[in-house]
C-alpha atoms as a PDB file:
ATOM      1  CA  UNK A   1     -70.749 -14.836  -1.169  1.00  0.00           C
ATOM      2  CA  UNK A   2     -68.527 -13.362  -3.742  1.00  0.00           C
ATOM      3  CA  UNK A   3     -70.162 -15.630  -6.115  1.00  0.00           C
ATOM      4  CA  UNK A   4     -73.456 -13.106  -5.858  1.00  0.00           C
ATOM      5  CA  UNK A   5     -71.835 -10.369  -7.162  1.00  0.00           C
ATOM      6  CA  UNK A   6     -72.834  -9.041 -10.678  1.00  0.00           C
ATOM      7  CA  UNK A   7     -70.454  -8.118 -13.018  1.00  0.00           C
ATOM      8  CA  UNK A   8     -70.525  -4.723 -12.468  1.00  0.00           C
ATOM      9  CA  UNK A   9     -69.864  -4.928  -8.355  1.00  0.00           C
ATOM     10  CA  UNK A  10     -67.195  -7.641  -8.894  1.00  0.00           C
ATOM     11  CA  UNK A  11     -65.210  -5.405 -10.836  1.00  0.00           C
ATOM     12  CA  UNK A  12     -66.222  -2.393  -8.233  1.00  0.00           C
ATOM     13  CA  UNK A  13     -64.132  -4.706  -6.059  1.00  0.00           C
ATOM     14  CA  UNK A  14     -61.423  -5.362  -8.237  1.00  0.00           C
ATOM     15  CA  UNK A  15     -61.088  -1.585  -8.914  1.00  0.00           C
ATOM     16  CA  UNK A  16     -60.720  -0.443  -5.160  1.00  0.00           C
ATOM     17  CA  UNK A  17     -57.486  -2.333  -5.263  1.00  0.00           C
ATOM     18  CA  UNK A  18     -56.660  -0.805  -7.631  1.00  0.00           C
ATOM     19  CA  UNK A  19     -57.441   2.749  -5.842  1.00  0.00           C
ATOM     20  CA  UNK A  20     -56.018   1.253  -2.962  1.00  0.00           C
ATOM     21  CA  UNK A  21     -52.481   0.724  -4.665  1.00  0.00           C
ATOM     22  CA  UNK A  22     -52.343   3.881  -7.494  1.00  0.00           C
ATOM     23  CA  UNK A  23     -52.705   5.839  -3.626  1.00  0.00           C
ATOM     24  CA  UNK A  24     -50.344   3.987  -1.824  1.00  0.00           C
ATOM     25  CA  UNK A  25     -52.448   3.098   0.491  1.00  0.00           C
ATOM     26  CA  UNK A  26     -51.707  -0.131   2.484  1.00  0.00           C
ATOM     27  CA  UNK A  27     -55.317  -1.651   2.389  1.00  0.00           C
ATOM     28  CA  UNK A  28     -58.669  -1.144   0.676  1.00  0.00           C
ATOM     29  CA  UNK A  29     -61.594   0.726   2.872  1.00  0.00           C
ATOM     30  CA  UNK A  30     -64.599   1.300   1.808  1.00  0.00           C
ATOM     31  CA  UNK A  31     -63.641   5.235   0.379  1.00  0.00           C
ATOM     32  CA  UNK A  32     -61.697   2.792  -2.279  1.00  0.00           C
ATOM     33  CA  UNK A  33     -65.065   0.797  -2.987  1.00  0.00           C
ATOM     34  CA  UNK A  34     -66.576   3.860  -3.518  1.00  0.00           C
ATOM     35  CA  UNK A  35     -64.093   5.144  -5.400  1.00  0.00           C
ATOM     36  CA  UNK A  36     -64.553   2.392  -7.583  1.00  0.00           C
ATOM     37  CA  UNK A  37     -68.243   2.359  -7.848  1.00  0.00           C
ATOM     38  CA  UNK A  38     -68.373   6.071  -8.587  1.00  0.00           C
ATOM     39  CA  UNK A  39     -65.643   5.321 -11.557  1.00  0.00           C
ATOM     40  CA  UNK A  40     -67.651   3.023 -13.293  1.00  0.00           C
ATOM     41  CA  UNK A  41     -70.095   4.034 -16.078  1.00  0.00           C
ATOM     42  CA  UNK A  42     -72.762   1.485 -16.135  1.00  0.00           C
ATOM     43  CA  UNK A  43     -74.453   0.882 -13.068  1.00  0.00           C
ATOM     44  CA  UNK A  44     -76.914   2.175 -11.343  1.00  0.00           C
ATOM     45  CA  UNK A  45     -75.232   3.486  -7.958  1.00  0.00           C
ATOM     46  CA  UNK A  46     -72.179   5.499 -10.389  1.00  0.00           C
ATOM     47  CA  UNK A  47     -75.511   7.240 -12.233  1.00  0.00           C
ATOM     48  CA  UNK A  48     -77.323   7.609  -8.477  1.00  0.00           C
ATOM     49  CA  UNK A  49     -74.436   9.110  -7.149  1.00  0.00           C
ATOM     50  CA  UNK A  50     -73.471  11.611 -10.345  1.00  0.00           C
ATOM     51  CA  UNK A  51     -77.287  12.449  -9.966  1.00  0.00           C
ATOM     52  CA  UNK A  52     -76.273  13.636  -6.078  1.00  0.00           C
ATOM     53  CA  UNK A  53     -73.360  15.794  -7.432  1.00  0.00           C
ATOM     54  CA  UNK A  54     -70.692  13.287  -6.978  1.00  0.00           C
ATOM     55  CA  UNK A  55     -67.899  14.287  -9.004  1.00  0.00           C
ATOM     56  CA  UNK A  56     -65.253  11.647 -10.029  1.00  0.00           C
ATOM     57  CA  UNK A  57     -62.395  13.971  -9.477  1.00  0.00           C
ATOM     58  CA  UNK A  58     -62.955  15.248  -6.119  1.00  0.00           C
ATOM     59  CA  UNK A  59     -64.642  11.959  -4.805  1.00  0.00           C
ATOM     60  CA  UNK A  60     -60.837  11.048  -5.623  1.00  0.00           C
ATOM     61  CA  UNK A  61     -59.501  14.333  -4.191  1.00  0.00           C
ATOM     62  CA  UNK A  62     -61.213  13.988  -0.979  1.00  0.00           C
ATOM     63  CA  UNK A  63     -60.378  10.358  -0.188  1.00  0.00           C
ATOM     64  CA  UNK A  64     -56.476  11.367  -0.882  1.00  0.00           C
ATOM     65  CA  UNK A  65     -57.129  14.344   1.660  1.00  0.00           C
ATOM     66  CA  UNK A  66     -58.560  12.178   4.439  1.00  0.00           C
ATOM     67  CA  UNK A  67     -56.249   9.443   3.905  1.00  0.00           C
ATOM     68  CA  UNK A  68     -53.371  12.383   4.849  1.00  0.00           C
ATOM     69  CA  UNK A  69     -54.636  13.671   8.126  1.00  0.00           C
ATOM     70  CA  UNK A  70     -54.241  13.051  11.247  1.00  0.00           C
ATOM     71  CA  UNK A  71     -56.858  11.441  13.642  1.00  0.00           C
ATOM     72  CA  UNK A  72     -59.396  13.187  14.955  1.00  0.00           C
ATOM     73  CA  UNK A  73     -58.284  13.244  18.577  1.00  0.00           C
ATOM     74  CA  UNK A  74     -54.134  14.523  17.379  1.00  0.00           C
ATOM     75  CA  UNK A  75     -56.125  17.250  15.438  1.00  0.00           C
ATOM     76  CA  UNK A  76     -58.454  18.130  18.805  1.00  0.00           C
ATOM     77  CA  UNK A  77     -55.717  18.337  20.637  1.00  0.00           C
ATOM     78  CA  UNK A  78     -53.425  20.292  18.604  1.00  0.00           C
ATOM     79  CA  UNK A  79     -56.693  22.657  18.041  1.00  0.00           C
ATOM     80  CA  UNK A  80     -57.110  23.291  21.960  1.00  0.00           C
ATOM     81  CA  UNK A  81     -53.287  25.053  20.848  1.00  0.00           C
ATOM     82  CA  UNK A  82     -54.280  27.358  18.384  1.00  0.00           C
ATOM     83  CA  UNK A  83     -53.303  25.090  15.737  1.00  0.00           C
ATOM     84  CA  UNK A  84     -55.688  24.956  13.220  1.00  0.00           C
ATOM     85  CA  UNK A  85     -54.798  21.211  10.554  1.00  0.00           C
ATOM     86  CA  UNK A  86     -56.397  22.598   7.904  1.00  0.00           C
ATOM     87  CA  UNK A  87     -54.860  25.695   7.758  1.00  0.00           C
ATOM     88  CA  UNK A  88     -52.034  24.350   8.131  1.00  0.00           C
ATOM     89  CA  UNK A  89     -52.254  21.943   5.204  1.00  0.00           C
ATOM     90  CA  UNK A  90     -53.489  24.568   3.124  1.00  0.00           C
ATOM     91  CA  UNK A  91     -50.244  27.105   3.166  1.00  0.00           C
ATOM     92  CA  UNK A  92     -48.252  24.189   2.661  1.00  0.00           C
ATOM     93  CA  UNK A  93     -50.078  23.193  -0.167  1.00  0.00           C
ATOM     94  CA  UNK A  94     -50.040  27.183  -1.214  1.00  0.00           C
ATOM     95  CA  UNK A  95     -46.241  27.321  -1.047  1.00  0.00           C
ATOM     96  CA  UNK A  96     -45.079  23.564  -1.822  1.00  0.00           C
ATOM     97  CA  UNK A  97     -47.915  22.130  -3.836  1.00  0.00           C
ATOM     98  CA  UNK A  98     -50.453  19.692  -3.486  1.00  0.00           C
ATOM     99  CA  UNK A  99     -49.601  16.249  -1.622  1.00  0.00           C
ATOM    100  CA  UNK A 100     -46.464  18.000  -0.358  1.00  0.00           C
ATOM    101  CA  UNK A 101     -46.747  16.502   3.507  1.00  0.00           C
ATOM    102  CA  UNK A 102     -47.833  13.359   1.805  1.00  0.00           C
ATOM    103  CA  UNK A 103     -45.659  10.773   3.334  1.00  0.00           C
ATOM    104  CA  UNK A 104     -43.857   7.974   0.887  1.00  0.00           C
ATOM    105  CA  UNK A 105     -46.057   5.336  -0.996  1.00  0.00           C
ATOM    106  CA  UNK A 106     -45.472   2.047   1.870  1.00  0.00           C
ATOM    107  CA  UNK A 107     -43.571  -0.459   0.982  1.00  0.00           C
ATOM    108  CA  UNK A 108     -46.158  -3.070  -0.562  1.00  0.00           C
ATOM    109  CA  UNK A 109     -46.542  -6.870   0.582  1.00  0.00           C
ATOM    110  CA  UNK A 110     -45.290 -10.076  -1.260  1.00  0.00           C
ATOM    111  CA  UNK A 111     -47.050 -10.913  -3.993  1.00  0.00           C
ATOM    112  CA  UNK A 112     -49.471  -7.841  -4.720  1.00  0.00           C
ATOM    113  CA  UNK A 113     -51.754  -8.507  -2.477  1.00  0.00           C
ATOM    114  CA  UNK A 114     -54.019  -5.866  -0.410  1.00  0.00           C
ATOM    115  CA  UNK A 115     -56.266  -6.482   2.732  1.00  0.00           C
ATOM    116  CA  UNK A 116     -59.525  -5.084   3.102  1.00  0.00           C
ATOM    117  CA  UNK A 117     -59.887  -2.750   6.290  1.00  0.00           C
ATOM    118  CA  UNK A 118     -62.385  -4.199   8.651  1.00  0.00           C
ATOM    119  CA  UNK A 119     -64.984  -1.251   7.624  1.00  0.00           C
ATOM    120  CA  UNK A 120     -64.480  -2.408   3.791  1.00  0.00           C
ATOM    121  CA  UNK A 121     -65.771  -6.006   4.928  1.00  0.00           C
ATOM    122  CA  UNK A 122     -68.211  -4.921   6.911  1.00  0.00           C
ATOM    123  CA  UNK A 123     -69.943  -2.924   3.776  1.00  0.00           C
ATOM    124  CA  UNK A 124     -69.203  -6.305   2.019  1.00  0.00           C
ATOM    125  CA  UNK A 125     -71.347  -7.703   5.171  1.00  0.00           C
ATOM    126  CA  UNK A 126     -73.970  -5.331   4.679  1.00  0.00           C
ATOM    127  CA  UNK A 127     -74.389  -5.539   0.862  1.00  0.00           C
ATOM    128  CA  UNK A 128     -75.535  -8.575   0.953  1.00  0.00           C
ATOM    129  CA  UNK A 129     -78.035  -7.383   3.933  1.00  0.00           C
ATOM    130  CA  UNK A 130     -79.415  -4.855   2.045  1.00  0.00           C
ATOM    131  CA  UNK A 131     -79.703  -6.859  -1.330  1.00  0.00           C
ATOM    132  CA  UNK A 132     -81.356  -9.238   0.665  1.00  0.00           C
ATOM    133  CA  UNK A 133     -83.616  -6.627   2.853  1.00  0.00           C
ATOM    134  CA  UNK A 134     -84.806  -5.714  -0.998  1.00  0.00           C
ATOM    135  CA  UNK A 135     -85.124  -9.315  -1.696  1.00  0.00           C
ATOM    136  CA  UNK A 136     -82.443  -9.474  -4.457  1.00  0.00           C
ATOM    137  CA  UNK A 137     -81.088 -13.195  -5.521  1.00  0.00           C
ATOM    138  CA  UNK A 138     -77.684 -10.639  -6.245  1.00  0.00           C
ATOM    139  CA  UNK A 139     -75.180  -7.895  -5.188  1.00  0.00           C
ATOM    140  CA  UNK A 140     -75.210  -5.413  -7.453  1.00  0.00           C
ATOM    141  CA  UNK A 141     -73.067  -1.612  -6.522  1.00  0.00           C
ATOM    142  CA  UNK A 142     -76.341  -0.620  -5.399  1.00  0.00           C
ATOM    143  CA  UNK A 143     -76.060  -2.641  -2.613  1.00  0.00           C
ATOM    144  CA  UNK A 144     -72.210  -1.755  -1.840  1.00  0.00           C
ATOM    145  CA  UNK A 145     -73.294   1.386  -1.975  1.00  0.00           C
ATOM    146  CA  UNK A 146     -76.113   0.952   0.586  1.00  0.00           C
ATOM    147  CA  UNK A 147     -73.791  -1.037   3.031  1.00  0.00           C
ATOM    148  CA  UNK A 148     -71.224   1.940   2.763  1.00  0.00           C
ATOM    149  CA  UNK A 149     -74.572   4.351   4.132  1.00  0.00           C
ATOM    150  CA  UNK A 150     -75.068   1.986   6.426  1.00  0.00           C
ATOM    151  CA  UNK A 151     -71.749   1.170   7.966  1.00  0.00           C
ATOM    152  CA  UNK A 152     -70.617   5.212   8.613  1.00  0.00           C
ATOM    153  CA  UNK A 153     -67.360   4.242   8.084  1.00  0.00           C
ATOM    154  CA  UNK A 154     -64.411   6.405   5.608  1.00  0.00           C
ATOM    155  CA  UNK A 155     -66.597   5.992   2.570  1.00  0.00           C
ATOM    156  CA  UNK A 156     -69.371   7.759   4.478  1.00  0.00           C
ATOM    157  CA  UNK A 157     -66.957  10.495   5.503  1.00  0.00           C
ATOM    158  CA  UNK A 158     -65.954  11.093   1.864  1.00  0.00           C
ATOM    159  CA  UNK A 159     -69.624  11.664   0.605  1.00  0.00           C
ATOM    160  CA  UNK A 160     -70.639  13.783   4.030  1.00  0.00           C
ATOM    161  CA  UNK A 161     -67.686  16.252   3.242  1.00  0.00           C
ATOM    162  CA  UNK A 162     -68.919  16.771  -0.348  1.00  0.00           C
ATOM    163  CA  UNK A 163     -72.233  17.373   0.627  1.00  0.00           C
ATOM    164  CA  UNK A 164     -74.260  14.528  -0.226  1.00  0.00           C
ATOM    165  CA  UNK A 165     -77.222  14.210   1.480  1.00  0.00           C
ATOM    166  CA  UNK A 166     -76.766  10.571   2.555  1.00  0.00           C
ATOM    167  CA  UNK A 167     -80.835   9.987   3.219  1.00  0.00           C
ATOM    168  CA  UNK A 168     -81.771  10.895  -0.580  1.00  0.00           C
ATOM    169  CA  UNK A 169     -79.317   9.003  -1.550  1.00  0.00           C
ATOM    170  CA  UNK A 170     -80.628   5.942  -0.013  1.00  0.00           C
ATOM    171  CA  UNK A 171     -83.890   6.970  -1.486  1.00  0.00           C
ATOM    172  CA  UNK A 172     -82.493   7.288  -4.524  1.00  0.00           C
ATOM    173  CA  UNK A 173     -81.055   3.396  -4.711  1.00  0.00           C
ATOM    174  CA  UNK A 174     -83.994   2.194  -3.335  1.00  0.00           C
ATOM    175  CA  UNK A 175     -86.234   3.844  -5.733  1.00  0.00           C
ATOM    176  CA  UNK A 176     -84.025   2.508  -8.594  1.00  0.00           C
ATOM    177  CA  UNK A 177     -84.268  -1.030  -7.163  1.00  0.00           C
ATOM    178  CA  UNK A 178     -88.290  -1.175  -6.964  1.00  0.00           C
ATOM    179  CA  UNK A 179     -88.449   0.009 -10.778  1.00  0.00           C
END
């Protein structure tokens, strides 16, 4: 499948690994793919994200914040006890600085290979399906972004946190693709 990827799409997949490593994450997620797509300067998907108001720095901050959180079940359980995790995190970061609650970087695997999460693999599979649906011969960053929107994983959650209208973004991508 990778042979069907355009150069920018291949670069995005490679850059996603770099982002995961820089952030100290043990796996490449669909949110890292999203970071890589937004950071690229010459892709349809990057332009669509920018047009929807997605700032690269804010996106990265959201990905970092999301990876530093407890799961929703944990947060809900603490909330029933009257503990607002976001308020606690904000206060700690106000006093001790940004990232004060973040753990140390995890140990890296030998050889530096970082595996993909199940969601990231799903996004790459969906990008192929999007290319087929749009009758394209190759898979571009726009197809990966459409896969992120369709998978509704961490990347999609980051876009939601930034108040991106996913339906409008999808329409923009599909319109640009048709043009």
